[in-house]
Amino acid sequence: SAGRVQSVALRLICDRELEIEAFRAQEFWTIDGTFLTPQGQEFQASLNAIAGKKLGKLDIKDEASARAIEQAVKGQPFKVDQIESKPAKRHPYPPFRTSTLQQEASRKLGFSSARTMQIAQRLYEGVELGGETVGLITYMRTDGVDMAPEAIASTRNAILKNFAEPYLPSVPRHYTTKAKNAQEAHEAIRPTEMSRHPMSVRRSLDEDQFALYELIWKRTIASQMESAELERTTADIGTDGRDGKHYSFRATG
């Protein structure tokens, strides 16, 4: 059959099938080392360069080549050739939309997508708080990641109250959806009242409801917080192999 959906879907399937048929598998090997510091701390590093030349992904083509390198470096004395530290920042993720809520609930809580939406529906419809039914989160079927100005202000107030000034950026963060044709009629998924801390509603929720509400509250709060400040360190650890070549392993953290 042909139609505006079927024809396009068939084209996508055919194109993908042609790519699969044209693909040629290539074997490659990587070499990782486990190292001990003088203090006995263990860490991992990966082979990064041989004789000053950086290794490409496919440069170690078979097991024989990998084993030859292993024999050349195993038991040799290693030393740090170079170490470099740089400041780095990690920016917060935007508030949840439907797909990211399902992904994070699966990863952190072990919920299926259907279970996540079922619990979110209950939180949206409302739970009994102080003798009245109160909706705890905004609508949970949305592609939007923006929040209403009053919600952003409320989130910033909650950050000040719970975490203090160093964690609050001078300017509010604003997020937009990059996906085309996104259904942005609704806001991001967020608590209806940011002042409603998860622990304050703990007694009114079952275990799963509390876990999901806490996940949503934390993500919303984090989305308006300062970027995390990190120090990214790279160490190149080298040795002269038994074959006369210099081998360099790289560890990052």
Protein backbone atom coordinates (compact mmCIF):
# COMPACT_ATOMS: atom_id res chain seq x y z
CA SER A 1 0.00 0.00 0.00
CA ALA A 2 1.03 3.62 -0.34
CA GLY A 3 0.25 6.56 1.86
CA ARG A 4 1.77 9.56 3.54
CA VAL A 5 2.88 7.41 6.51
CA GLN A 6 3.46 3.98 4.93
CA SER A 7 5.59 5.28 2.04
CA VAL A 8 7.91 7.29 4.28
CA ALA A 9 8.23 4.46 6.81
CA LEU A 10 9.03 1.98 4.02
CA ARG A 11 11.70 4.34 2.65
CA LEU A 12 13.35 4.59 6.09
CA ILE A 13 13.34 0.81 6.50
CA CYS A 14 14.80 0.25 3.01
CA ASP A 15 17.55 2.85 3.52
CA ARG A 16 18.50 1.31 6.85
CA GLU A 17 18.51 -2.21 5.39
CA LEU A 18 20.86 -1.07 2.59
CA GLU A 19 23.22 0.43 5.21
CA ILE A 20 23.21 -2.86 7.14
CA GLU A 21 23.97 -4.87 3.99
CA ALA A 22 26.81 -2.51 3.00
CA PHE A 23 28.43 -2.61 6.46
CA ARG A 24 31.75 -4.44 6.68
CA ALA A 25 32.80 -5.51 10.15
CA GLN A 26 36.38 -4.77 11.21
CA GLU A 27 38.10 -6.38 14.16
CA PHE A 28 39.98 -4.14 16.57
CA TRP A 29 41.44 -4.47 20.06
CA THR A 30 41.96 -2.07 22.94
CA ILE A 31 44.38 -2.44 25.85
CA ASP A 32 43.61 -1.24 29.38
CA GLY A 33 45.98 -1.36 32.30
CA THR A 34 45.35 -1.51 36.04
CA PHE A 35 47.90 0.61 37.91
CA LEU A 36 48.81 1.11 41.57
CA THR A 37 49.99 4.41 43.04
CA PRO A 38 52.79 4.36 45.65
CA GLN A 39 49.99 4.69 48.24
CA GLY A 40 48.37 1.49 46.95
CA GLN A 41 45.40 3.16 45.20
CA GLU A 42 44.20 1.31 42.11
CA PHE A 43 43.12 3.05 38.88
CA GLN A 44 42.57 2.25 35.20
CA ALA A 45 44.34 3.70 32.17
CA SER A 46 44.07 2.92 28.44
CA LEU A 47 46.86 2.55 25.91
CA ASN A 48 46.91 5.89 24.10
CA ALA A 49 50.15 6.11 22.09
CA ILE A 50 53.03 3.95 20.83
CA ALA A 51 56.43 5.51 20.04
CA GLY A 52 54.91 8.99 20.24
CA LYS A 53 52.13 8.22 17.76
CA LYS A 54 48.54 8.43 19.03
CA LEU A 55 46.60 5.20 18.55
CA GLY A 56 43.60 5.22 16.22
CA LYS A 57 40.52 3.15 17.03
CA LEU A 58 41.38 0.40 14.50
CA ASP A 59 45.19 0.40 14.88
CA ILE A 60 45.41 -2.84 16.92
CA LYS A 61 43.87 -5.14 14.36
CA ASP A 62 44.01 -8.60 15.93
CA GLU A 63 44.68 -10.57 19.11
CA ALA A 64 48.25 -11.41 18.12
CA SER A 65 49.14 -7.69 17.90
CA ALA A 66 47.43 -7.00 21.24
CA ARG A 67 49.24 -9.90 22.95
CA ALA A 68 52.60 -8.71 21.56
CA ILE A 69 52.03 -5.28 23.12
CA GLU A 70 50.95 -6.91 26.38
CA GLN A 71 54.19 -8.91 26.55
CA ALA A 72 56.26 -5.81 25.70
CA VAL A 73 54.91 -3.76 28.63
CA LYS A 74 53.84 -6.28 31.28
CA GLY A 75 56.03 -6.04 34.39
CA GLN A 76 57.95 -2.99 33.10
CA PRO A 77 58.42 0.01 35.42
CA PHE A 78 55.99 2.86 34.61
CA LYS A 79 56.26 6.54 35.46
CA VAL A 80 54.07 9.57 34.91
CA ASP A 81 55.29 11.32 31.75
CA GLN A 82 52.88 14.22 31.94
CA ILE A 83 49.98 15.39 34.08
CA GLU A 84 47.57 18.21 33.30
CA SER A 85 44.65 19.62 35.30
CA LYS A 86 42.02 21.96 33.90
CA PRO A 87 38.92 23.50 35.45
CA ALA A 88 35.65 22.36 33.89
CA LYS A 89 31.95 22.98 34.38
CA ARG A 90 28.98 20.65 34.07
CA HIS A 91 25.69 22.38 33.43
CA PRO A 92 22.41 21.06 34.86
CA TYR A 93 19.92 19.15 32.73
CA PRO A 94 16.58 20.78 31.86
CA PRO A 95 13.45 19.79 33.79
CA PHE A 96 11.75 16.55 32.79
CA ARG A 97 9.58 16.00 29.75
CA THR A 98 7.74 12.71 29.24
CA SER A 99 10.58 10.78 27.57
CA THR A 100 13.35 11.94 29.94
CA LEU A 101 11.17 11.20 32.98
CA GLN A 102 10.60 7.64 31.72
CA GLN A 103 14.32 7.16 31.00
CA GLU A 104 15.47 8.46 34.38
CA ALA A 105 12.80 6.55 36.32
CA SER A 106 13.92 3.38 34.53
CA ARG A 107 17.61 4.05 35.22
CA LYS A 108 17.34 5.18 38.84
CA LEU A 109 14.17 3.53 40.12
CA GLY A 110 13.78 0.47 37.86
CA PHE A 111 10.27 1.50 36.72
CA SER A 112 8.87 0.51 33.33
CA SER A 113 7.56 3.35 31.14
CA ALA A 114 3.97 2.25 31.79
CA ARG A 115 4.56 2.13 35.56
CA THR A 116 6.16 5.58 35.53
CA MET A 117 3.18 7.10 33.69
CA GLN A 118 0.72 5.32 35.96
CA ILE A 119 2.37 6.77 39.09
CA ALA A 120 2.77 10.20 37.48
CA GLN A 121 -0.95 10.19 36.62
CA ARG A 122 -1.75 9.66 40.32
CA LEU A 123 0.56 12.50 41.36
CA TYR A 124 -1.03 14.75 38.73
CA GLU A 125 -4.63 13.89 39.65
CA GLY A 126 -3.87 14.49 43.31
CA VAL A 127 -3.30 12.90 46.69
CA GLU A 128 -4.90 13.56 50.06
CA LEU A 129 -3.06 16.36 51.90
CA GLY A 130 -4.52 17.92 55.04
CA GLY A 131 -8.04 16.81 54.22
CA GLU A 132 -8.07 17.95 50.58
CA THR A 133 -6.97 16.46 47.26
CA VAL A 134 -3.90 18.25 45.91
CA GLY A 135 -2.18 17.71 42.54
CA LEU A 136 1.55 17.43 43.20
CA ILE A 137 2.94 17.69 39.65
CA THR A 138 2.05 19.41 36.38
CA TYR A 139 0.73 17.48 33.35
CA MET A 140 3.02 14.53 32.61
CA ARG A 141 2.52 14.18 28.83
CA THR A 142 4.63 16.95 27.35
CA ASP A 143 7.61 17.67 25.12
CA GLY A 144 8.13 21.09 26.73
CA VAL A 145 11.12 21.88 28.95
CA ASP A 146 10.22 25.48 29.76
CA MET A 147 8.68 26.60 33.05
CA ALA A 148 6.34 29.49 33.82
CA PRO A 149 8.06 32.61 35.22
CA GLU A 150 6.34 32.17 38.59
CA ALA A 151 7.55 28.53 38.73
CA ILE A 152 11.13 29.65 38.01
CA ALA A 153 10.89 32.27 40.77
CA SER A 154 9.50 29.66 43.18
CA THR A 155 12.31 27.24 42.28
CA ARG A 156 14.94 29.91 42.91
CA ASN A 157 13.39 30.68 46.30
CA ALA A 158 13.49 26.96 47.16
CA ILE A 159 17.19 26.82 46.22
CA LEU A 160 17.94 29.78 48.50
CA LYS A 161 15.99 28.23 51.35
CA ASN A 162 17.42 24.70 51.04
CA PHE A 163 20.94 25.23 49.68
CA ALA A 164 21.93 28.92 50.19
CA GLU A 165 23.20 31.61 47.84
CA PRO A 166 26.37 30.05 46.28
CA TYR A 167 24.14 27.49 44.51
CA LEU A 168 21.88 30.10 42.90
CA PRO A 169 22.91 31.62 39.54
CA SER A 170 22.58 35.39 39.21
CA VAL A 171 20.29 34.93 36.18
CA PRO A 172 17.48 32.35 35.84
CA ARG A 173 18.08 29.51 33.38
CA HIS A 174 15.77 29.15 30.39
CA TYR A 175 15.47 25.95 28.35
CA THR A 176 14.05 25.29 24.89
CA THR A 177 13.23 22.09 23.03
CA LYS A 178 15.54 21.36 20.10
CA ALA A 179 13.36 18.62 18.59
CA LYS A 180 11.28 19.55 15.55
CA ASN A 181 7.49 19.25 15.81
CA ALA A 182 7.69 19.02 19.63
CA GLN A 183 4.34 19.14 21.42
CA GLU A 184 5.04 22.12 23.69
CA ALA A 185 1.50 23.05 24.69
CA HIS A 186 2.39 22.17 28.29
CA GLU A 187 5.21 23.12 30.62
CA ALA A 188 7.94 20.74 31.69
CA ILE A 189 6.99 18.16 34.32
CA ARG A 190 7.55 19.87 37.66
CA PRO A 191 6.07 20.07 41.17
CA THR A 192 3.01 22.34 41.33
CA GLU A 193 4.53 23.97 44.44
CA MET A 194 8.31 24.04 44.72
CA SER A 195 8.01 24.81 48.43
CA ARG A 196 6.43 21.35 48.87
CA HIS A 197 9.61 19.44 49.79
CA PRO A 198 9.41 15.64 49.20
CA MET A 199 9.83 14.95 52.93
CA SER A 200 6.87 17.18 53.76
CA VAL A 201 4.51 14.92 51.75
CA ARG A 202 6.24 11.61 52.57
CA ARG A 203 3.43 10.33 54.79
CA SER A 204 0.76 10.94 52.15
CA LEU A 205 2.49 8.93 49.41
CA ASP A 206 3.28 5.26 48.93
CA GLU A 207 6.88 4.22 48.32
CA ASP A 208 6.78 4.44 44.51
CA GLN A 209 4.90 7.75 44.48
CA PHE A 210 7.40 9.28 46.89
CA ALA A 211 10.37 8.03 44.83
CA LEU A 212 8.98 9.52 41.60
CA TYR A 213 7.94 12.82 43.22
CA GLU A 214 11.41 13.17 44.79
CA LEU A 215 13.01 12.49 41.37
CA ILE A 216 10.90 15.24 39.74
CA TRP A 217 11.49 17.72 42.60
CA LYS A 218 15.26 17.22 42.54
CA ARG A 219 15.49 17.52 38.75
CA THR A 220 13.45 20.74 38.78
CA ILE A 221 15.56 22.25 41.57
CA ALA A 222 18.80 21.18 39.87
CA SER A 223 17.73 22.75 36.55
CA GLN A 224 17.91 26.23 38.11
CA MET A 225 21.11 25.71 40.12
CA GLU A 226 24.66 26.83 39.43
CA SER A 227 26.84 24.65 37.19
CA ALA A 228 28.96 22.03 38.95
CA GLU A 229 32.63 23.04 39.11
CA LEU A 230 35.09 20.24 38.39
CA GLU A 231 38.80 19.76 37.96
CA ARG A 232 39.54 17.46 35.05
CA THR A 233 42.93 15.78 35.33
CA THR A 234 44.69 13.82 32.57
CA ALA A 235 47.77 11.72 33.33
CA ASP A 236 50.00 10.08 30.70
CA ILE A 237 51.83 7.08 32.19
CA GLY A 238 54.65 5.65 30.10
CA THR A 239 57.16 2.85 29.92
CA ASP A 240 59.86 1.65 27.53
CA GLY A 241 58.71 -1.74 26.26
CA ARG A 242 60.92 -4.77 25.82
CA ASP A 243 60.75 -4.15 22.05
CA GLY A 244 62.41 -0.72 22.44
CA LYS A 245 59.21 1.30 21.83
CA HIS A 246 57.77 3.80 24.31
CA TYR A 247 54.20 2.99 25.34
CA SER A 248 51.92 5.60 26.89
CA PHE A 249 48.72 4.92 28.82
CA ARG A 250 46.24 7.69 29.63
CA ALA A 251 44.04 8.03 32.71
CA THR A 252 41.44 10.78 33.15
CA GLY A 253 39.32 11.76 36.11
